[in-house]
Amino acid sequence: MRVVSFSVPAWFPPRTGEEVRREVQLTEQESTVFLCLATGASNAELAGELQLSVSTVKFHVHNIRAKLGGISRLQACLLAALAREGVPGPKATLAPEARRSA
């Protein structure tokens, strides 16, 4: 499994009483869904575009938001838009293949 690492900019506001994780690792599939969030599309629209079920998209969006510190979907969309545009802040780098230990 390939893992993609994203950095959240220091200026990005956390939810009240919570801290945004500054380094997160998303699976390749989560990364694909994350970058598509930049369009502001609904789960159903993302599912159609990515040829996934709506429940699978919901699952990935939930995991992405949790890994980013429980941020809102709108905040995730903003980070995705910044990542797609290459704006300083969230940067994607492909990490070596992760191996699960038994």
N, C-alpha and C. Protein backbone atom coordinates (compact mmCIF):
# COMPACT_ATOMS: atom_id res chain seq x y z
N MET A 1 0.84 -1.17 0.00
CA MET A 1 0.00 0.00 0.00
C MET A 1 0.89 1.24 0.00
N ARG A 2 0.58 2.20 -0.86
CA ARG A 2 1.32 3.44 -0.90
C ARG A 2 0.64 4.44 0.02
N VAL A 3 1.44 5.28 0.66
CA VAL A 3 0.91 6.26 1.59
C VAL A 3 1.34 7.64 1.13
N VAL A 4 0.42 8.60 1.19
CA VAL A 4 0.72 9.97 0.80
C VAL A 4 0.72 10.82 2.06
N SER A 5 1.73 11.66 2.20
CA SER A 5 1.87 12.51 3.38
C SER A 5 1.48 13.93 3.02
N PHE A 6 0.63 14.55 3.82
CA PHE A 6 0.23 15.93 3.63
C PHE A 6 0.63 16.75 4.85
N SER A 7 1.09 17.96 4.60
CA SER A 7 1.40 18.88 5.69
C SER A 7 0.33 19.94 5.74
N VAL A 8 -0.19 20.19 6.92
CA VAL A 8 -1.21 21.21 7.12
C VAL A 8 -0.49 22.50 7.52
N PRO A 9 -0.82 23.63 6.86
CA PRO A 9 -0.11 24.87 7.19
C PRO A 9 -0.34 25.31 8.63
N ALA A 10 0.65 25.96 9.20
CA ALA A 10 0.58 26.41 10.60
C ALA A 10 -0.55 27.40 10.81
N TRP A 11 -0.89 28.17 9.79
CA TRP A 11 -1.93 29.19 9.93
C TRP A 11 -3.34 28.61 9.89
N PHE A 12 -3.46 27.32 9.55
CA PHE A 12 -4.78 26.72 9.41
C PHE A 12 -5.45 26.59 10.77
N PRO A 13 -6.67 27.14 10.93
CA PRO A 13 -7.32 27.12 12.24
C PRO A 13 -7.88 25.76 12.63
N PRO A 14 -7.60 25.30 13.84
CA PRO A 14 -8.20 24.05 14.33
C PRO A 14 -9.62 24.31 14.80
N ARG A 15 -10.37 23.24 14.98
CA ARG A 15 -11.70 23.37 15.59
C ARG A 15 -11.52 23.79 17.03
N THR A 16 -12.51 24.44 17.58
CA THR A 16 -12.44 24.90 18.95
C THR A 16 -12.12 23.75 19.89
N GLY A 17 -11.07 23.93 20.70
CA GLY A 17 -10.68 22.92 21.68
C GLY A 17 -9.91 21.75 21.11
N GLU A 18 -9.59 21.79 19.83
CA GLU A 18 -8.86 20.69 19.21
C GLU A 18 -7.62 21.22 18.51
N GLU A 19 -6.73 20.33 18.18
CA GLU A 19 -5.51 20.70 17.50
C GLU A 19 -5.45 19.98 16.15
N VAL A 20 -5.18 20.75 15.11
CA VAL A 20 -5.05 20.15 13.78
C VAL A 20 -3.71 19.45 13.71
N ARG A 21 -3.73 18.24 13.19
CA ARG A 21 -2.47 17.51 13.01
C ARG A 21 -1.74 18.14 11.83
N ARG A 22 -0.48 18.45 12.04
CA ARG A 22 0.29 19.15 11.01
C ARG A 22 0.87 18.20 9.96
N GLU A 23 1.08 16.96 10.31
CA GLU A 23 1.57 15.95 9.36
C GLU A 23 0.58 14.80 9.38
N VAL A 24 0.02 14.49 8.24
CA VAL A 24 -0.91 13.37 8.16
C VAL A 24 -0.52 12.47 7.01
N GLN A 25 -0.81 11.21 7.16
CA GLN A 25 -0.56 10.25 6.08
C GLN A 25 -1.90 9.66 5.65
N LEU A 26 -2.17 9.81 4.37
CA LEU A 26 -3.39 9.28 3.78
C LEU A 26 -3.01 8.13 2.86
N THR A 27 -3.89 7.15 2.79
CA THR A 27 -3.67 6.07 1.83
C THR A 27 -3.80 6.65 0.42
N GLU A 28 -3.40 5.89 -0.56
CA GLU A 28 -3.48 6.38 -1.94
C GLU A 28 -4.93 6.69 -2.31
N GLN A 29 -5.86 5.83 -1.89
CA GLN A 29 -7.28 6.05 -2.21
C GLN A 29 -7.81 7.27 -1.46
N GLU A 30 -7.44 7.44 -0.19
CA GLU A 30 -7.86 8.62 0.56
C GLU A 30 -7.30 9.88 -0.09
N SER A 31 -6.07 9.81 -0.57
CA SER A 31 -5.45 10.95 -1.23
C SER A 31 -6.22 11.34 -2.49
N THR A 32 -6.64 10.36 -3.25
CA THR A 32 -7.42 10.62 -4.47
C THR A 32 -8.73 11.32 -4.12
N VAL A 33 -9.43 10.80 -3.11
CA VAL A 33 -10.69 11.41 -2.67
C VAL A 33 -10.42 12.81 -2.13
N PHE A 34 -9.36 12.96 -1.32
CA PHE A 34 -9.00 14.25 -0.73
C PHE A 34 -8.81 15.31 -1.82
N LEU A 35 -8.04 14.99 -2.84
CA LEU A 35 -7.77 15.97 -3.90
C LEU A 35 -9.03 16.30 -4.70
N CYS A 36 -9.94 15.34 -4.81
CA CYS A 36 -11.21 15.60 -5.51
C CYS A 36 -12.17 16.46 -4.68
N LEU A 37 -11.95 16.49 -3.37
CA LEU A 37 -12.79 17.34 -2.50
C LEU A 37 -12.65 18.81 -2.88
N ALA A 38 -11.55 19.18 -3.52
CA ALA A 38 -11.30 20.57 -3.90
C ALA A 38 -12.41 21.13 -4.79
N THR A 39 -13.10 20.27 -5.49
CA THR A 39 -14.16 20.73 -6.40
C THR A 39 -15.43 21.11 -5.65
N GLY A 40 -15.53 20.68 -4.39
CA GLY A 40 -16.75 20.96 -3.63
C GLY A 40 -17.88 20.03 -3.99
N ALA A 41 -17.57 18.95 -4.68
CA ALA A 41 -18.59 18.00 -5.12
C ALA A 41 -19.20 17.24 -3.95
N SER A 42 -20.42 16.79 -4.13
CA SER A 42 -21.09 15.97 -3.12
C SER A 42 -20.48 14.57 -3.13
N ASN A 43 -20.84 13.80 -2.11
CA ASN A 43 -20.36 12.41 -2.05
C ASN A 43 -20.82 11.63 -3.29
N ALA A 44 -22.05 11.86 -3.71
CA ALA A 44 -22.58 11.15 -4.88
C ALA A 44 -21.81 11.55 -6.15
N GLU A 45 -21.50 12.83 -6.28
CA GLU A 45 -20.75 13.29 -7.45
C GLU A 45 -19.32 12.73 -7.44
N LEU A 46 -18.70 12.72 -6.26
CA LEU A 46 -17.35 12.15 -6.14
C LEU A 46 -17.38 10.66 -6.48
N ALA A 47 -18.40 9.96 -6.00
CA ALA A 47 -18.52 8.53 -6.27
C ALA A 47 -18.61 8.27 -7.77
N GLY A 48 -19.40 9.07 -8.46
CA GLY A 48 -19.52 8.91 -9.90
C GLY A 48 -18.22 9.19 -10.63
N GLU A 49 -17.54 10.24 -10.20
CA GLU A 49 -16.27 10.62 -10.85
C GLU A 49 -15.18 9.58 -10.62
N LEU A 50 -15.13 9.04 -9.40
CA LEU A 50 -14.06 8.10 -9.03
C LEU A 50 -14.45 6.64 -9.24
N GLN A 51 -15.67 6.41 -9.69
CA GLN A 51 -16.20 5.06 -9.89
C GLN A 51 -16.14 4.24 -8.61
N LEU A 52 -16.62 4.84 -7.52
CA LEU A 52 -16.72 4.19 -6.21
C LEU A 52 -18.17 4.26 -5.76
N SER A 53 -18.51 3.49 -4.75
CA SER A 53 -19.85 3.61 -4.18
C SER A 53 -19.89 4.85 -3.28
N VAL A 54 -21.08 5.37 -3.07
CA VAL A 54 -21.25 6.54 -2.21
C VAL A 54 -20.77 6.21 -0.79
N SER A 55 -21.06 5.01 -0.31
CA SER A 55 -20.64 4.64 1.04
C SER A 55 -19.11 4.58 1.16
N THR A 56 -18.43 4.17 0.10
CA THR A 56 -16.97 4.14 0.12
C THR A 56 -16.41 5.56 0.18
N VAL A 57 -17.00 6.48 -0.58
CA VAL A 57 -16.57 7.88 -0.55
C VAL A 57 -16.80 8.45 0.85
N LYS A 58 -17.98 8.19 1.43
CA LYS A 58 -18.27 8.67 2.79
C LYS A 58 -17.24 8.14 3.78
N PHE A 59 -16.89 6.88 3.65
CA PHE A 59 -15.90 6.24 4.52
C PHE A 59 -14.56 6.97 4.41
N HIS A 60 -14.10 7.23 3.19
CA HIS A 60 -12.82 7.91 2.98
C HIS A 60 -12.86 9.34 3.49
N VAL A 61 -13.95 10.06 3.22
CA VAL A 61 -14.07 11.45 3.68
C VAL A 61 -14.04 11.49 5.22
N HIS A 62 -14.73 10.56 5.84
CA HIS A 62 -14.72 10.48 7.31
C HIS A 62 -13.30 10.26 7.83
N ASN A 63 -12.57 9.31 7.22
CA ASN A 63 -11.19 9.03 7.64
C ASN A 63 -10.27 10.22 7.41
N ILE A 64 -10.43 10.89 6.29
CA ILE A 64 -9.61 12.07 5.98
C ILE A 64 -9.82 13.15 7.02
N ARG A 65 -11.08 13.44 7.31
CA ARG A 65 -11.40 14.47 8.31
C ARG A 65 -10.84 14.10 9.68
N ALA A 66 -10.94 12.83 10.04
CA ALA A 66 -10.43 12.38 11.34
C ALA A 66 -8.91 12.50 11.39
N LYS A 67 -8.24 12.10 10.32
CA LYS A 67 -6.78 12.18 10.29
C LYS A 67 -6.29 13.62 10.32
N LEU A 68 -7.09 14.54 9.82
CA LEU A 68 -6.73 15.95 9.84
C LEU A 68 -7.18 16.64 11.13
N GLY A 69 -7.55 15.87 12.12
CA GLY A 69 -7.89 16.43 13.43
C GLY A 69 -9.35 16.76 13.61
N GLY A 70 -10.22 16.09 12.87
CA GLY A 70 -11.65 16.30 13.04
C GLY A 70 -12.15 17.58 12.42
N ILE A 71 -11.47 18.06 11.38
CA ILE A 71 -11.88 19.31 10.73
C ILE A 71 -13.18 19.11 9.98
N SER A 72 -13.82 20.22 9.63
CA SER A 72 -15.08 20.15 8.88
C SER A 72 -14.81 19.76 7.43
N ARG A 73 -15.85 19.38 6.74
CA ARG A 73 -15.72 19.04 5.32
C ARG A 73 -15.28 20.28 4.54
N LEU A 74 -15.82 21.44 4.89
CA LEU A 74 -15.44 22.67 4.21
C LEU A 74 -13.95 22.95 4.37
N GLN A 75 -13.43 22.74 5.59
CA GLN A 75 -12.00 22.94 5.81
C GLN A 75 -11.18 21.93 5.01
N ALA A 76 -11.65 20.70 4.93
CA ALA A 76 -10.97 19.69 4.13
C ALA A 76 -10.96 20.08 2.66
N CYS A 77 -12.07 20.64 2.18
CA CYS A 77 -12.14 21.11 0.79
C CYS A 77 -11.14 22.23 0.54
N LEU A 78 -11.00 23.14 1.50
CA LEU A 78 -10.04 24.23 1.38
C LEU A 78 -8.61 23.69 1.30
N LEU A 79 -8.27 22.77 2.20
CA LEU A 79 -6.93 22.18 2.18
C LEU A 79 -6.68 21.43 0.87
N ALA A 80 -7.70 20.74 0.37
CA ALA A 80 -7.56 20.02 -0.88
C ALA A 80 -7.32 20.98 -2.04
N ALA A 81 -8.04 22.09 -2.04
CA ALA A 81 -7.86 23.09 -3.10
C ALA A 81 -6.45 23.67 -3.05
N LEU A 82 -5.95 23.95 -1.86
CA LEU A 82 -4.59 24.46 -1.72
C LEU A 82 -3.57 23.43 -2.20
N ALA A 83 -3.80 22.17 -1.86
CA ALA A 83 -2.88 21.10 -2.27
C ALA A 83 -2.87 20.95 -3.79
N ARG A 84 -4.04 21.04 -4.41
CA ARG A 84 -4.12 20.90 -5.87
C ARG A 84 -3.46 22.05 -6.60
N GLU A 85 -3.55 23.24 -6.02
CA GLU A 85 -2.98 24.43 -6.66
C GLU A 85 -1.50 24.59 -6.37
N GLY A 86 -0.98 23.79 -5.44
CA GLY A 86 0.43 23.90 -5.12
C GLY A 86 0.76 25.11 -4.27
N VAL A 87 -0.26 25.68 -3.61
CA VAL A 87 -0.06 26.82 -2.73
C VAL A 87 0.75 26.36 -1.53
N PRO A 88 1.72 27.15 -1.06
CA PRO A 88 2.50 26.73 0.11
C PRO A 88 1.57 26.35 1.25
N GLY A 89 1.85 25.26 1.83
CA GLY A 89 1.01 24.71 2.91
C GLY A 89 0.93 23.22 2.72
N PRO A 90 -0.26 22.70 2.38
CA PRO A 90 -0.37 21.26 2.23
C PRO A 90 0.43 20.79 1.03
N LYS A 91 1.38 19.94 1.25
CA LYS A 91 2.20 19.40 0.16
C LYS A 91 2.09 17.89 0.19
N ALA A 92 1.99 17.32 -0.97
CA ALA A 92 1.88 15.87 -1.07
C ALA A 92 3.20 15.29 -1.50
N THR A 93 3.67 14.32 -0.76
CA THR A 93 4.85 13.59 -1.18
C THR A 93 4.55 12.11 -1.03
N LEU A 94 4.89 11.36 -2.03
CA LEU A 94 4.64 9.92 -2.00
C LEU A 94 5.67 9.24 -1.14
N ALA A 95 5.24 8.58 -0.13
CA ALA A 95 6.15 7.85 0.76
C ALA A 95 6.36 6.45 0.19
N PRO A 96 7.44 5.78 0.62
CA PRO A 96 7.66 4.40 0.14
C PRO A 96 6.51 3.49 0.58
N GLU A 97 6.40 2.40 -0.09
CA GLU A 97 5.31 1.48 0.21
C GLU A 97 5.33 1.08 1.68
N ALA A 98 4.18 1.24 2.31
CA ALA A 98 4.08 0.89 3.74
C ALA A 98 3.78 -0.59 3.87
N ARG A 99 4.43 -1.20 4.80
CA ARG A 99 4.19 -2.63 5.05
C ARG A 99 3.56 -2.80 6.43
N ARG A 100 2.55 -3.60 6.47
CA ARG A 100 1.88 -3.88 7.74
C ARG A 100 2.63 -4.96 8.49
N SER A 101 2.82 -4.71 9.75
CA SER A 101 3.44 -5.76 10.57
C SER A 101 2.34 -6.59 11.22
N ALA A 102 2.56 -7.84 11.24
CA ALA A 102 1.54 -8.76 11.76
C ALA A 102 1.41 -8.71 13.24
